Each structure stands twice: as structure tokens, then as C-alpha cells.
């Protein structure tokens, strides 16, 4: 069984959690000025890396709070969890490198 370390409750079984998608996605501020393509990129386009990935999780059957996680998509191993709004652990800043800008779309205030 996979154990996830909730930053609020401590280590718990994977069955208590719900995956919330890629972490660190900021909603554009002036959505009414976006083109359909820019809005579609924000809503639908997410990275799908092989390896370390910044994700959001919710402790659905526990405290109900959302938090950030650094997880390896190949091994499912969690390298760190931290509260939303808090500084990420050193493992996050040391291990995660920005993805290559292949077909990158830039929206003012949002780089994808």
C-alpha cells in the first residue's frame, strides 16, 4: 500500500486521498481578454512528464485539505509534500527542472 504524508495529518493510506492534477497552475487574471486558443491552453494543456511531477492532492477522507506534492510518475514515490502557499521542500527546488519549451504558449501572466 502506498503511504502519503499529509502535511496536516501525517502519513496515511493512499485510499484516503484524491488526486487533483498538476500543481502550480495559476489562473490568468484578465480572462476576458484571452483568445479561445489561450483559454483552451489554460483549461486543457498540462504537462505529462516521465519522472518528477508537481501535483495537487486532497486528503478527502481525512482533514479535507489540499496540498502540494512532488511525485515520481514512474515509481509513484512521493519525494515531498507541503502546504499550499508554503515554501516547497528543498527536494522540489533541487530536483525539478523546467520542461523544454516545446510548443510553449505564453499568455500574459501565465507561461505554459
C-alpha atoms as a PDB file:
ATOM      1  CA  UNK A   1       0.000   0.000   0.000  1.00  0.00           C
ATOM      2  CA  UNK A   2       1.196   3.491  -0.864  1.00  0.00           C
ATOM      3  CA  UNK A   3       1.549   5.874   2.080  1.00  0.00           C
ATOM      4  CA  UNK A   4       1.133   9.625   1.504  1.00  0.00           C
ATOM      5  CA  UNK A   5       2.386  12.132   4.076  1.00  0.00           C
ATOM      6  CA  UNK A   6      -0.386  14.696   4.572  1.00  0.00           C
ATOM      7  CA  UNK A   7       1.285  17.936   5.756  1.00  0.00           C
ATOM      8  CA  UNK A   8      -1.635  18.433   8.173  1.00  0.00           C
ATOM      9  CA  UNK A   9      -2.332  14.888   9.479  1.00  0.00           C
ATOM     10  CA  UNK A  10       0.855  12.916   8.842  1.00  0.00           C
ATOM     11  CA  UNK A  11       1.299   9.631   6.956  1.00  0.00           C
ATOM     12  CA  UNK A  12      -1.925   7.965   5.789  1.00  0.00           C
ATOM     13  CA  UNK A  13      -3.019   5.278   3.309  1.00  0.00           C
ATOM     14  CA  UNK A  14      -3.374   6.257  -0.355  1.00  0.00           C
ATOM     15  CA  UNK A  15      -7.070   5.324  -0.274  1.00  0.00           C
ATOM     16  CA  UNK A  16      -7.753   8.447   1.846  1.00  0.00           C
ATOM     17  CA  UNK A  17      -6.546  10.839  -0.869  1.00  0.00           C
ATOM     18  CA  UNK A  18      -7.802  12.251  -4.169  1.00  0.00           C
ATOM     19  CA  UNK A  19      -5.511  13.377  -6.964  1.00  0.00           C
ATOM     20  CA  UNK A  20      -6.137  16.967  -8.034  1.00  0.00           C
ATOM     21  CA  UNK A  21      -3.984  17.375 -11.124  1.00  0.00           C
ATOM     22  CA  UNK A  22      -0.855  19.320 -11.904  1.00  0.00           C
ATOM     23  CA  UNK A  23       0.243  21.744  -9.214  1.00  0.00           C
ATOM     24  CA  UNK A  24       1.322  25.344  -9.593  1.00  0.00           C
ATOM     25  CA  UNK A  25      -1.171  26.287 -12.314  1.00  0.00           C
ATOM     26  CA  UNK A  26      -2.172  29.936 -11.920  1.00  0.00           C
ATOM     27  CA  UNK A  27      -5.457  31.182 -13.351  1.00  0.00           C
ATOM     28  CA  UNK A  28      -4.949  34.112 -15.774  1.00  0.00           C
ATOM     29  CA  UNK A  29      -6.044  37.417 -14.282  1.00  0.00           C
ATOM     30  CA  UNK A  30      -7.797  39.012 -17.261  1.00  0.00           C
ATOM     31  CA  UNK A  31      -9.686  36.023 -18.650  1.00  0.00           C
ATOM     32  CA  UNK A  32     -11.992  38.197 -20.763  1.00  0.00           C
ATOM     33  CA  UNK A  33      -9.000  39.301 -22.885  1.00  0.00           C
ATOM     34  CA  UNK A  34      -7.833  35.768 -23.716  1.00  0.00           C
ATOM     35  CA  UNK A  35      -8.321  34.237 -27.119  1.00  0.00           C
ATOM     36  CA  UNK A  36     -10.096  30.887 -27.389  1.00  0.00           C
ATOM     37  CA  UNK A  37      -6.733  29.230 -28.001  1.00  0.00           C
ATOM     38  CA  UNK A  38      -5.173  30.836 -24.919  1.00  0.00           C
ATOM     39  CA  UNK A  39      -8.164  29.877 -22.755  1.00  0.00           C
ATOM     40  CA  UNK A  40      -8.067  26.319 -24.115  1.00  0.00           C
ATOM     41  CA  UNK A  41      -4.359  26.091 -23.289  1.00  0.00           C
ATOM     42  CA  UNK A  42      -5.049  27.168 -19.699  1.00  0.00           C
ATOM     43  CA  UNK A  43      -8.005  24.807 -19.229  1.00  0.00           C
ATOM     44  CA  UNK A  44      -6.765  21.682 -21.017  1.00  0.00           C
ATOM     45  CA  UNK A  45      -2.999  21.705 -21.600  1.00  0.00           C
ATOM     46  CA  UNK A  46      -0.981  20.082 -18.827  1.00  0.00           C
ATOM     47  CA  UNK A  47       2.454  18.567 -18.745  1.00  0.00           C
ATOM     48  CA  UNK A  48       2.659  14.806 -18.533  1.00  0.00           C
ATOM     49  CA  UNK A  49       6.273  14.174 -17.537  1.00  0.00           C
ATOM     50  CA  UNK A  50       8.018  10.884 -17.128  1.00  0.00           C
ATOM     51  CA  UNK A  51       9.644  11.347 -13.732  1.00  0.00           C
ATOM     52  CA  UNK A  52       9.220  14.047 -11.095  1.00  0.00           C
ATOM     53  CA  UNK A  53       5.963  15.973 -11.228  1.00  0.00           C
ATOM     54  CA  UNK A  54       4.471  18.800  -9.134  1.00  0.00           C
ATOM     55  CA  UNK A  55       0.911  17.773  -8.217  1.00  0.00           C
ATOM     56  CA  UNK A  56      -2.048  18.777  -6.045  1.00  0.00           C
ATOM     57  CA  UNK A  57      -3.681  16.256  -3.721  1.00  0.00           C
ATOM     58  CA  UNK A  58      -6.626  16.410  -1.301  1.00  0.00           C
ATOM     59  CA  UNK A  59      -6.913  14.438   1.912  1.00  0.00           C
ATOM     60  CA  UNK A  60     -10.508  13.555   1.045  1.00  0.00           C
ATOM     61  CA  UNK A  61     -11.172  11.033   3.839  1.00  0.00           C
ATOM     62  CA  UNK A  62      -9.214  12.950   6.435  1.00  0.00           C
ATOM     63  CA  UNK A  63      -8.834  16.675   7.044  1.00  0.00           C
ATOM     64  CA  UNK A  64     -10.210  17.533   3.578  1.00  0.00           C
ATOM     65  CA  UNK A  65      -7.385  19.987   2.876  1.00  0.00           C
ATOM     66  CA  UNK A  66      -5.488  20.452  -0.377  1.00  0.00           C
ATOM     67  CA  UNK A  67      -1.696  20.281  -0.506  1.00  0.00           C
ATOM     68  CA  UNK A  68       1.193  20.129  -2.969  1.00  0.00           C
ATOM     69  CA  UNK A  69       3.263  17.038  -3.668  1.00  0.00           C
ATOM     70  CA  UNK A  70       6.366  16.127  -5.613  1.00  0.00           C
ATOM     71  CA  UNK A  71       5.841  12.630  -7.031  1.00  0.00           C
ATOM     72  CA  UNK A  72       7.762  10.432  -9.443  1.00  0.00           C
ATOM     73  CA  UNK A  73       5.340   9.242 -12.140  1.00  0.00           C
ATOM     74  CA  UNK A  74       7.491   6.193 -12.925  1.00  0.00           C
ATOM     75  CA  UNK A  75       7.819   4.792  -9.406  1.00  0.00           C
ATOM     76  CA  UNK A  76       4.842   6.535  -7.694  1.00  0.00           C
ATOM     77  CA  UNK A  77       7.284   7.535  -4.917  1.00  0.00           C
ATOM     78  CA  UNK A  78       6.453  10.804  -3.148  1.00  0.00           C
ATOM     79  CA  UNK A  79       9.555  12.963  -2.712  1.00  0.00           C
ATOM     80  CA  UNK A  80       7.851  15.604  -0.615  1.00  0.00           C
ATOM     81  CA  UNK A  81       4.564  17.207   0.368  1.00  0.00           C
ATOM     82  CA  UNK A  82       3.903  20.743   1.557  1.00  0.00           C
ATOM     83  CA  UNK A  83       1.030  23.083   2.360  1.00  0.00           C
ATOM     84  CA  UNK A  84      -0.323  25.305  -0.411  1.00  0.00           C
ATOM     85  CA  UNK A  85       1.206  28.755  -0.022  1.00  0.00           C
ATOM     86  CA  UNK A  86       4.222  27.435   1.896  1.00  0.00           C
ATOM     87  CA  UNK A  87       7.743  27.155   0.562  1.00  0.00           C
ATOM     88  CA  UNK A  88       8.333  23.811  -1.182  1.00  0.00           C
ATOM     89  CA  UNK A  89      10.864  21.405   0.314  1.00  0.00           C
ATOM     90  CA  UNK A  90      14.451  21.538  -0.900  1.00  0.00           C
ATOM     91  CA  UNK A  91      13.864  18.296  -2.843  1.00  0.00           C
ATOM     92  CA  UNK A  92      11.395  20.165  -5.090  1.00  0.00           C
ATOM     93  CA  UNK A  93      13.637  23.106  -5.913  1.00  0.00           C
ATOM     94  CA  UNK A  94      16.708  20.895  -6.351  1.00  0.00           C
ATOM     95  CA  UNK A  95      15.183  18.116  -8.492  1.00  0.00           C
ATOM     96  CA  UNK A  96      12.556  19.707 -10.700  1.00  0.00           C
ATOM     97  CA  UNK A  97      13.909  21.376 -13.811  1.00  0.00           C
ATOM     98  CA  UNK A  98      11.685  23.405 -16.128  1.00  0.00           C
ATOM     99  CA  UNK A  99      10.407  21.450 -19.098  1.00  0.00           C
ATOM    100  CA  UNK A 100      11.770  22.280 -22.525  1.00  0.00           C
ATOM    101  CA  UNK A 101       9.613  24.933 -24.191  1.00  0.00           C
ATOM    102  CA  UNK A 102       8.244  22.700 -26.942  1.00  0.00           C
ATOM    103  CA  UNK A 103       5.247  24.468 -28.472  1.00  0.00           C
ATOM    104  CA  UNK A 104       5.139  26.772 -25.476  1.00  0.00           C
ATOM    105  CA  UNK A 105       2.199  29.161 -25.344  1.00  0.00           C
ATOM    106  CA  UNK A 106       2.644  32.372 -23.419  1.00  0.00           C
ATOM    107  CA  UNK A 107      -0.380  34.151 -22.007  1.00  0.00           C
ATOM    108  CA  UNK A 108       0.248  37.387 -20.169  1.00  0.00           C
ATOM    109  CA  UNK A 109       0.746  36.404 -16.544  1.00  0.00           C
ATOM    110  CA  UNK A 110       0.816  32.707 -17.476  1.00  0.00           C
ATOM    111  CA  UNK A 111       3.578  30.781 -19.208  1.00  0.00           C
ATOM    112  CA  UNK A 112       2.706  27.288 -20.453  1.00  0.00           C
END
